[in-house]
Amino acid sequence: MNIIHLLKTSHIYNSRLFIYYAQLINDKLPSSFEYELNRCAINNLQQLLTIIHNPLSSFQLNTRVLKEILRSNLTELDQFLQSINTDLLSQIYHACLACNYQTIEIFTNTLHYLHRCLQQRENIYNITE
C-alpha cells in the first residue's frame, strides 16, 4: 500500500511533502531500481500537472521533472505544454540548458521542440502587446 493511498483512506487531505533517503547496498538489484522508485507516485506528465496546478503545492523544477518532460512522447508533451503557462515553459527550457541537456543526444529533439514552442508563444505575446 502506498502512503498516498493510506492518507486518502484515512481521510487526511492536508498538504504533504515526502522525502526519502535510500542507500542501495544490494548489488544484485537492477540499476533501474532508483528510476522505478522515483516513478512510484508520478509516472507521466498528466500526473505531474496535478502537482503543478495544485494551489496548495509549491512546485519546483528539478532534474527528475526535466528528464521526465524530455523523455515524453510528442502527444503527451503537447498536452502538457498546452496546460502550462509561458513563464513555466521558459523556466523548463532554460533549466534544461543549465543542466546541459542539449548535449545529450536523446534529449535534443525534444529540447528543440520546447524552444520552438517557447518562441511561438513569445512571438504571439509580442504581437498582442
Protein backbone atom coordinates (compact mmCIF):
# COMPACT_ATOMS: atom_id res chain seq x y z
CA MET A 1 0.00 0.00 0.00
CA ASN A 2 1.49 3.34 -0.88
CA ILE A 3 1.46 6.29 1.50
CA ILE A 4 -0.86 8.47 -0.59
CA HIS A 5 -3.50 5.72 -0.69
CA LEU A 6 -3.19 5.28 3.08
CA LEU A 7 -3.73 9.02 3.63
CA LYS A 8 -6.79 9.07 1.34
CA THR A 9 -8.40 6.08 3.02
CA SER A 10 -7.78 7.76 6.39
CA HIS A 11 -9.41 10.96 5.06
CA ILE A 12 -6.25 13.01 5.56
CA TYR A 13 -6.13 15.67 2.84
CA ASN A 14 -3.68 18.26 4.13
CA SER A 15 -0.55 19.33 2.27
CA ARG A 16 2.30 16.87 2.47
CA LEU A 17 5.90 16.56 1.47
CA PHE A 18 7.61 13.22 1.12
CA ILE A 19 11.33 12.90 1.41
CA TYR A 20 13.10 9.60 1.31
CA TYR A 21 16.66 8.51 1.69
CA ALA A 22 17.80 5.19 0.39
CA GLN A 23 21.17 3.58 0.24
CA LEU A 24 21.43 0.68 -2.13
CA ILE A 25 23.73 -1.92 -0.62
CA ASN A 26 22.44 -4.95 -2.52
CA ASP A 27 24.42 -5.12 -5.75
CA LYS A 28 22.03 -7.80 -7.04
CA LEU A 29 19.24 -5.23 -7.52
CA PRO A 30 18.98 -3.88 -11.06
CA SER A 31 20.37 -0.43 -11.79
CA SER A 32 16.85 0.65 -12.79
CA PHE A 33 15.67 0.38 -9.16
CA GLU A 34 16.13 4.09 -8.37
CA TYR A 35 14.29 5.11 -11.54
CA GLU A 36 11.39 2.81 -10.68
CA LEU A 37 11.29 4.14 -7.12
CA ASN A 38 11.13 7.71 -8.40
CA ARG A 39 8.20 6.84 -10.67
CA CYS A 40 6.02 5.23 -7.99
CA ALA A 41 3.74 8.25 -7.45
CA ILE A 42 4.27 10.37 -10.57
CA ASN A 43 4.86 8.41 -13.74
CA ASN A 44 3.58 10.68 -16.51
CA LEU A 45 3.16 14.34 -17.37
CA GLN A 46 -0.59 14.34 -16.66
CA GLN A 47 0.10 13.33 -13.05
CA LEU A 48 2.80 15.98 -12.87
CA LEU A 49 0.22 18.59 -13.90
CA THR A 50 -1.87 17.73 -10.84
CA ILE A 51 1.04 18.87 -8.69
CA ILE A 52 1.85 21.92 -10.79
CA HIS A 53 -1.75 23.16 -10.72
CA ASN A 54 -2.45 22.28 -7.09
CA PRO A 55 -2.91 25.60 -5.25
CA LEU A 56 -1.51 24.03 -2.07
CA SER A 57 1.64 22.91 -3.87
CA SER A 58 4.80 24.95 -4.16
CA PHE A 59 6.04 23.18 -7.27
CA GLN A 60 9.72 23.49 -8.10
CA LEU A 61 11.56 22.16 -11.12
CA ASN A 62 14.22 19.54 -10.58
CA THR A 63 16.30 17.27 -12.78
CA ARG A 64 13.87 14.36 -12.43
CA VAL A 65 10.99 16.53 -13.70
CA LEU A 66 13.07 17.91 -16.56
CA LYS A 67 14.12 14.43 -17.66
CA GLU A 68 10.51 13.20 -17.47
CA ILE A 69 9.47 16.05 -19.76
CA LEU A 70 12.34 15.46 -22.18
CA ARG A 71 11.63 11.69 -22.34
CA SER A 72 7.93 12.08 -23.06
CA ASN A 73 6.35 11.32 -26.41
CA LEU A 74 5.11 14.16 -28.60
CA THR A 75 1.40 13.64 -27.88
CA GLU A 76 1.90 13.70 -24.11
CA LEU A 77 4.31 16.62 -24.40
CA ASP A 78 1.83 18.67 -26.45
CA GLN A 79 -0.94 18.10 -23.91
CA PHE A 80 1.43 19.09 -21.13
CA LEU A 81 2.62 22.25 -22.90
CA GLN A 82 -0.96 23.34 -23.58
CA SER A 83 -1.61 23.09 -19.83
CA ILE A 84 1.25 25.28 -18.59
CA ASN A 85 1.88 29.00 -18.88
CA THR A 86 4.66 30.64 -20.86
CA ASP A 87 6.65 31.51 -17.74
CA LEU A 88 6.86 27.85 -16.70
CA LEU A 89 7.72 26.79 -20.25
CA SER A 90 10.55 29.32 -20.23
CA GLN A 91 11.76 28.07 -16.85
CA ILE A 92 11.73 24.48 -18.11
CA TYR A 93 13.62 25.34 -21.28
CA HIS A 94 16.29 27.42 -19.52
CA ALA A 95 16.68 24.85 -16.72
CA CYS A 96 17.34 22.19 -19.38
CA LEU A 97 20.04 24.39 -20.86
CA ALA A 98 21.53 25.00 -17.42
CA CYS A 99 21.76 21.23 -16.95
CA ASN A 100 23.46 20.91 -20.36
CA TYR A 101 20.75 18.57 -21.64
CA GLN A 102 21.30 19.97 -25.13
CA THR A 103 24.49 17.88 -25.15
CA ILE A 104 22.61 14.61 -24.55
CA GLU A 105 21.51 13.17 -27.87
CA ILE A 106 18.27 11.55 -26.65
CA PHE A 107 17.05 14.95 -25.38
CA THR A 108 17.98 17.20 -28.30
CA ASN A 109 14.83 16.77 -30.42
CA THR A 110 12.50 17.46 -27.51
CA LEU A 111 14.61 20.39 -26.39
CA HIS A 112 14.46 21.90 -29.90
CA TYR A 113 10.69 21.39 -29.85
CA LEU A 114 10.41 23.16 -26.48
CA HIS A 115 12.46 26.04 -27.88
CA ARG A 116 10.18 26.38 -30.93
CA CYS A 117 7.07 26.33 -28.72
CA LEU A 118 8.56 28.98 -26.46
CA GLN A 119 9.49 31.18 -29.44
CA GLN A 120 5.96 30.86 -30.86
CA ARG A 121 4.41 31.89 -27.55
CA GLU A 122 6.78 34.82 -27.15
CA ASN A 123 6.04 35.97 -30.71
CA ILE A 124 2.31 35.81 -30.06
CA TYR A 125 2.78 37.73 -26.82
CA ASN A 126 4.82 40.42 -28.60
CA ILE A 127 2.18 40.78 -31.36
CA THR A 128 -0.67 41.23 -28.86
CA GLU A 129 1.11 43.98 -26.94
